[in-house]
């Protein structure tokens, strides 16, 4: 075997080893990207859930305020009772919506 042939074989072995190492590194990078994508997706879902809960909480506060206001209003008692009941029912719906999100 000549020296040049031996060098060529060594170069081929090094080249093949390099390709194998790169393939492993790419596989590891792909796995990390996949994990990051899943984490980002869960984070986005969490943010969406938080936004929905905040919106419902604001709506709930408004309905409670209306409920209290309608209970104190000095107008037609029948209308007052109707409004208070509607507000109370809406409050119950919103509370259930929040519970469903959690």
N, C-alpha and C. Protein backbone atom coordinates (compact mmCIF):
# COMPACT_ATOMS: atom_id res chain seq x y z
N UNK A 1 0.84 -1.16 0.00
CA UNK A 1 0.00 0.00 0.00
C UNK A 1 0.90 1.23 0.00
N UNK A 2 0.55 2.13 -0.83
CA UNK A 2 1.38 3.33 -0.90
C UNK A 2 0.93 4.35 0.15
N UNK A 3 1.80 5.23 0.41
CA UNK A 3 1.53 6.27 1.40
C UNK A 3 0.35 7.15 1.00
N UNK A 4 0.24 7.48 -0.27
CA UNK A 4 -0.86 8.31 -0.77
C UNK A 4 -2.20 7.62 -0.59
N UNK A 5 -2.23 6.30 -0.85
CA UNK A 5 -3.46 5.53 -0.69
C UNK A 5 -3.86 5.50 0.77
N UNK A 6 -2.90 5.33 1.64
CA UNK A 6 -3.18 5.32 3.08
C UNK A 6 -3.73 6.68 3.52
N UNK A 7 -3.16 7.76 3.03
CA UNK A 7 -3.66 9.10 3.34
C UNK A 7 -5.08 9.30 2.82
N UNK A 8 -5.37 8.79 1.63
CA UNK A 8 -6.71 8.90 1.04
C UNK A 8 -7.72 8.15 1.89
N UNK A 9 -7.36 6.95 2.36
CA UNK A 9 -8.27 6.16 3.20
C UNK A 9 -8.52 6.89 4.52
N UNK A 10 -7.48 7.45 5.11
CA UNK A 10 -7.63 8.20 6.36
C UNK A 10 -8.53 9.42 6.14
N UNK A 11 -8.34 10.10 5.01
CA UNK A 11 -9.16 11.27 4.70
C UNK A 11 -10.63 10.88 4.54
N UNK A 12 -10.88 9.72 3.90
CA UNK A 12 -12.26 9.23 3.72
C UNK A 12 -12.87 8.90 5.08
N UNK A 13 -12.11 8.24 5.94
CA UNK A 13 -12.60 7.88 7.28
C UNK A 13 -12.93 9.15 8.08
N UNK A 14 -12.05 10.13 8.01
CA UNK A 14 -12.29 11.40 8.71
C UNK A 14 -13.54 12.08 8.15
N UNK A 15 -13.68 12.07 6.85
CA UNK A 15 -14.84 12.68 6.20
C UNK A 15 -16.14 12.00 6.62
N UNK A 16 -16.13 10.66 6.63
CA UNK A 16 -17.32 9.90 7.04
C UNK A 16 -17.63 10.18 8.51
N UNK A 17 -16.60 10.21 9.34
CA UNK A 17 -16.80 10.52 10.77
C UNK A 17 -17.40 11.91 10.94
N UNK A 18 -16.93 12.85 10.17
CA UNK A 18 -17.44 14.22 10.24
C UNK A 18 -18.92 14.27 9.86
N UNK A 19 -19.29 13.54 8.83
CA UNK A 19 -20.69 13.49 8.39
C UNK A 19 -21.57 12.88 9.48
N UNK A 20 -21.07 11.81 10.11
CA UNK A 20 -21.84 11.15 11.18
C UNK A 20 -22.03 12.11 12.36
N UNK A 21 -20.97 12.82 12.72
CA UNK A 21 -21.07 13.78 13.83
C UNK A 21 -22.05 14.90 13.49
N UNK A 22 -21.98 15.42 12.26
CA UNK A 22 -22.90 16.48 11.84
C UNK A 22 -24.35 15.99 11.87
N UNK A 23 -24.56 14.76 11.45
CA UNK A 23 -25.91 14.20 11.45
C UNK A 23 -26.45 14.13 12.88
N UNK A 24 -25.61 13.69 13.82
CA UNK A 24 -26.04 13.63 15.22
C UNK A 24 -26.34 15.02 15.76
N UNK A 25 -25.50 15.98 15.42
CA UNK A 25 -25.72 17.36 15.87
C UNK A 25 -27.02 17.92 15.29
N UNK A 26 -27.26 17.67 14.03
CA UNK A 26 -28.50 18.14 13.40
C UNK A 26 -29.72 17.49 14.04
N UNK A 27 -29.61 16.23 14.35
CA UNK A 27 -30.71 15.52 15.00
C UNK A 27 -30.99 16.13 16.37
N UNK A 28 -29.94 16.44 17.11
CA UNK A 28 -30.10 17.05 18.43
C UNK A 28 -30.71 18.45 18.30
N UNK A 29 -30.27 19.21 17.29
CA UNK A 29 -30.83 20.54 17.07
C UNK A 29 -32.30 20.46 16.69
N UNK A 30 -32.65 19.50 15.86
CA UNK A 30 -34.04 19.30 15.45
C UNK A 30 -34.91 18.99 16.67
N UNK A 31 -34.39 18.15 17.55
CA UNK A 31 -35.13 17.79 18.77
C UNK A 31 -35.31 19.01 19.67
N UNK A 32 -34.26 19.82 19.80
CA UNK A 32 -34.37 21.04 20.61
C UNK A 32 -35.38 22.01 20.02
N UNK A 33 -35.36 22.16 18.70
CA UNK A 33 -36.33 23.04 18.04
C UNK A 33 -37.75 22.55 18.26
N UNK A 34 -37.93 21.26 18.20
CA UNK A 34 -39.25 20.68 18.43
C UNK A 34 -39.72 20.96 19.86
N UNK A 35 -38.82 20.79 20.83
CA UNK A 35 -39.17 21.07 22.23
C UNK A 35 -39.51 22.55 22.41
N UNK A 36 -38.72 23.41 21.78
CA UNK A 36 -38.96 24.84 21.89
C UNK A 36 -40.31 25.21 21.27
N UNK A 37 -40.62 24.63 20.12
CA UNK A 37 -41.90 24.90 19.47
C UNK A 37 -43.07 24.47 20.35
N UNK A 38 -42.95 23.30 20.97
CA UNK A 38 -44.02 22.83 21.86
C UNK A 38 -44.16 23.75 23.06
N UNK A 39 -43.04 24.18 23.62
CA UNK A 39 -43.08 25.08 24.78
C UNK A 39 -43.71 26.42 24.38
N UNK A 40 -43.35 26.92 23.21
CA UNK A 40 -43.93 28.18 22.73
C UNK A 40 -45.44 28.05 22.52
N UNK A 41 -45.85 26.92 21.98
CA UNK A 41 -47.28 26.68 21.75
C UNK A 41 -48.04 26.65 23.08
N UNK A 42 -47.48 25.97 24.08
CA UNK A 42 -48.13 25.91 25.39
C UNK A 42 -48.15 27.29 26.04
N UNK A 43 -47.09 28.04 25.85
CA UNK A 43 -47.03 29.40 26.39
C UNK A 43 -48.11 30.27 25.75
N UNK A 44 -48.28 30.14 24.43
CA UNK A 44 -49.30 30.93 23.72
C UNK A 44 -50.69 30.53 24.18
N UNK A 45 -50.92 29.23 24.37
CA UNK A 45 -52.22 28.77 24.86
C UNK A 45 -52.49 29.35 26.25
N UNK A 46 -51.46 29.38 27.07
CA UNK A 46 -51.59 29.93 28.41
C UNK A 46 -51.92 31.42 28.36
N UNK A 47 -51.26 32.15 27.47
CA UNK A 47 -51.54 33.58 27.32
C UNK A 47 -52.97 33.81 26.83
N UNK A 48 -53.41 32.99 25.88
CA UNK A 48 -54.79 33.10 25.38
C UNK A 48 -55.79 32.84 26.49
N UNK A 49 -55.53 31.82 27.29
CA UNK A 49 -56.40 31.48 28.41
C UNK A 49 -56.43 32.63 29.42
N UNK A 50 -55.26 33.19 29.70
CA UNK A 50 -55.18 34.31 30.63
C UNK A 50 -55.98 35.51 30.11
N UNK A 51 -55.89 35.79 28.82
CA UNK A 51 -56.64 36.90 28.23
C UNK A 51 -58.14 36.67 28.33
N UNK A 52 -58.57 35.43 28.07
CA UNK A 52 -60.00 35.12 28.18
C UNK A 52 -60.49 35.29 29.61
N UNK A 53 -59.69 34.80 30.56
CA UNK A 53 -60.08 34.91 31.97
C UNK A 53 -60.14 36.38 32.39
N UNK A 54 -59.17 37.18 31.94
CA UNK A 54 -59.19 38.60 32.28
C UNK A 54 -60.41 39.30 31.70
N UNK A 55 -60.75 38.96 30.46
CA UNK A 55 -61.94 39.56 29.83
C UNK A 55 -63.20 39.17 30.59
N UNK A 56 -63.30 37.89 30.94
CA UNK A 56 -64.47 37.44 31.69
C UNK A 56 -64.51 38.06 33.08
N UNK A 57 -63.36 38.23 33.70
CA UNK A 57 -63.31 38.85 35.02
C UNK A 57 -63.79 40.30 34.96
N UNK A 58 -63.38 41.01 33.92
CA UNK A 58 -63.84 42.39 33.74
C UNK A 58 -65.35 42.42 33.53
N UNK A 59 -65.82 41.51 32.71
CA UNK A 59 -67.26 41.44 32.46
C UNK A 59 -68.00 41.08 33.75
N UNK A 60 -67.43 40.17 34.52
CA UNK A 60 -68.03 39.78 35.79
C UNK A 60 -68.11 40.98 36.74
N UNK A 61 -67.03 41.75 36.83
CA UNK A 61 -67.03 42.94 37.68
C UNK A 61 -68.11 43.93 37.24
N UNK A 62 -68.24 44.11 35.93
CA UNK A 62 -69.27 45.03 35.42
C UNK A 62 -70.66 44.53 35.76
N UNK A 63 -70.88 43.23 35.60
CA UNK A 63 -72.20 42.67 35.91
C UNK A 63 -72.50 42.77 37.40
N UNK A 64 -71.50 42.55 38.24
CA UNK A 64 -71.71 42.67 39.69
C UNK A 64 -72.06 44.12 40.03
N UNK A 65 -71.35 45.06 39.41
CA UNK A 65 -71.64 46.47 39.64
C UNK A 65 -73.08 46.79 39.22
N UNK A 66 -73.47 46.31 38.04
CA UNK A 66 -74.85 46.54 37.57
C UNK A 66 -75.85 45.89 38.51
N UNK A 67 -75.53 44.69 38.96
CA UNK A 67 -76.42 43.98 39.88
C UNK A 67 -76.63 44.81 41.15
N UNK A 68 -75.53 45.29 41.71
CA UNK A 68 -75.62 46.10 42.92
C UNK A 68 -76.36 47.42 42.67
N UNK A 69 -76.06 48.03 41.52
CA UNK A 69 -76.72 49.29 41.16
C UNK A 69 -78.22 49.07 40.98
N UNK A 70 -78.59 48.02 40.26
CA UNK A 70 -80.01 47.75 40.01
C UNK A 70 -80.75 47.41 41.29
N UNK A 71 -80.07 46.80 42.23
CA UNK A 71 -80.71 46.47 43.50
C UNK A 71 -80.99 47.72 44.33
N UNK A 72 -80.20 48.78 44.12
CA UNK A 72 -80.33 49.98 44.93
C UNK A 72 -81.17 51.06 44.26
N UNK A 73 -81.44 50.89 42.99
CA UNK A 73 -82.17 51.91 42.24
C UNK A 73 -83.56 52.09 42.83
N UNK A 74 -83.96 53.32 42.96
CA UNK A 74 -85.28 53.61 43.50
C UNK A 74 -86.26 53.85 42.34
N UNK A 75 -86.55 52.80 41.60
CA UNK A 75 -87.52 52.91 40.52
C UNK A 75 -88.50 51.76 40.65
N UNK A 76 -89.22 51.52 39.61
CA UNK A 76 -90.23 50.47 39.59
C UNK A 76 -89.67 49.17 40.15
N UNK A 77 -90.22 48.66 41.24
CA UNK A 77 -89.70 47.44 41.87
C UNK A 77 -89.70 46.23 40.94
N UNK A 78 -90.68 46.14 40.05
CA UNK A 78 -90.73 45.00 39.13
C UNK A 78 -89.55 45.04 38.16
N UNK A 79 -89.27 46.23 37.61
CA UNK A 79 -88.12 46.38 36.71
C UNK A 79 -86.83 46.12 37.47
N UNK A 80 -86.77 46.64 38.68
CA UNK A 80 -85.58 46.47 39.51
C UNK A 80 -85.31 44.99 39.74
N UNK A 81 -86.34 44.26 40.08
CA UNK A 81 -86.19 42.82 40.34
C UNK A 81 -85.78 42.09 39.06
N UNK A 82 -86.39 42.46 37.94
CA UNK A 82 -86.07 41.83 36.65
C UNK A 82 -84.60 42.07 36.30
N UNK A 83 -84.14 43.32 36.42
CA UNK A 83 -82.75 43.64 36.08
C UNK A 83 -81.78 42.91 37.01
N UNK A 84 -82.10 42.92 38.29
CA UNK A 84 -81.22 42.25 39.25
C UNK A 84 -81.13 40.76 38.94
N UNK A 85 -82.26 40.15 38.58
CA UNK A 85 -82.26 38.73 38.23
C UNK A 85 -81.44 38.48 36.97
N UNK A 86 -81.61 39.34 35.97
CA UNK A 86 -80.83 39.19 34.72
C UNK A 86 -79.34 39.32 35.01
N UNK A 87 -78.99 40.33 35.80
CA UNK A 87 -77.58 40.51 36.15
C UNK A 87 -77.04 39.31 36.92
N UNK A 88 -77.83 38.82 37.86
CA UNK A 88 -77.40 37.68 38.65
C UNK A 88 -77.19 36.45 37.75
N UNK A 89 -78.11 36.22 36.82
CA UNK A 89 -77.98 35.09 35.90
C UNK A 89 -76.74 35.24 35.03
N UNK A 90 -76.47 36.47 34.58
CA UNK A 90 -75.28 36.72 33.77
C UNK A 90 -74.02 36.47 34.60
N UNK A 91 -74.04 36.89 35.85
CA UNK A 91 -72.90 36.65 36.74
C UNK A 91 -72.64 35.15 36.87
N UNK A 92 -73.70 34.38 37.04
CA UNK A 92 -73.55 32.92 37.16
C UNK A 92 -72.98 32.32 35.88
N UNK A 93 -73.43 32.81 34.72
CA UNK A 93 -72.91 32.32 33.43
C UNK A 93 -71.42 32.61 33.31
N UNK A 94 -71.03 33.83 33.64
CA UNK A 94 -69.62 34.21 33.53
C UNK A 94 -68.76 33.39 34.49
N UNK A 95 -69.25 33.21 35.71
CA UNK A 95 -68.50 32.39 36.66
C UNK A 95 -68.32 30.96 36.13
N UNK A 96 -69.35 30.44 35.48
CA UNK A 96 -69.25 29.09 34.91
C UNK A 96 -68.26 29.07 33.75
N UNK A 97 -68.27 30.13 32.92
CA UNK A 97 -67.32 30.22 31.81
C UNK A 97 -65.88 30.23 32.33
N UNK A 98 -65.64 30.98 33.40
CA UNK A 98 -64.29 31.02 33.99
C UNK A 98 -63.92 29.64 34.53
N UNK A 99 -64.86 29.00 35.21
CA UNK A 99 -64.60 27.66 35.76
C UNK A 99 -64.29 26.68 34.64
N UNK A 100 -64.98 26.80 33.52
CA UNK A 100 -64.73 25.89 32.38
C UNK A 100 -63.34 26.11 31.80
N UNK A 101 -62.87 27.36 31.80
CA UNK A 101 -61.53 27.64 31.27
C UNK A 101 -60.44 27.08 32.18
N UNK A 102 -60.72 27.07 33.47
CA UNK A 102 -59.72 26.57 34.41
C UNK A 102 -59.77 25.06 34.45
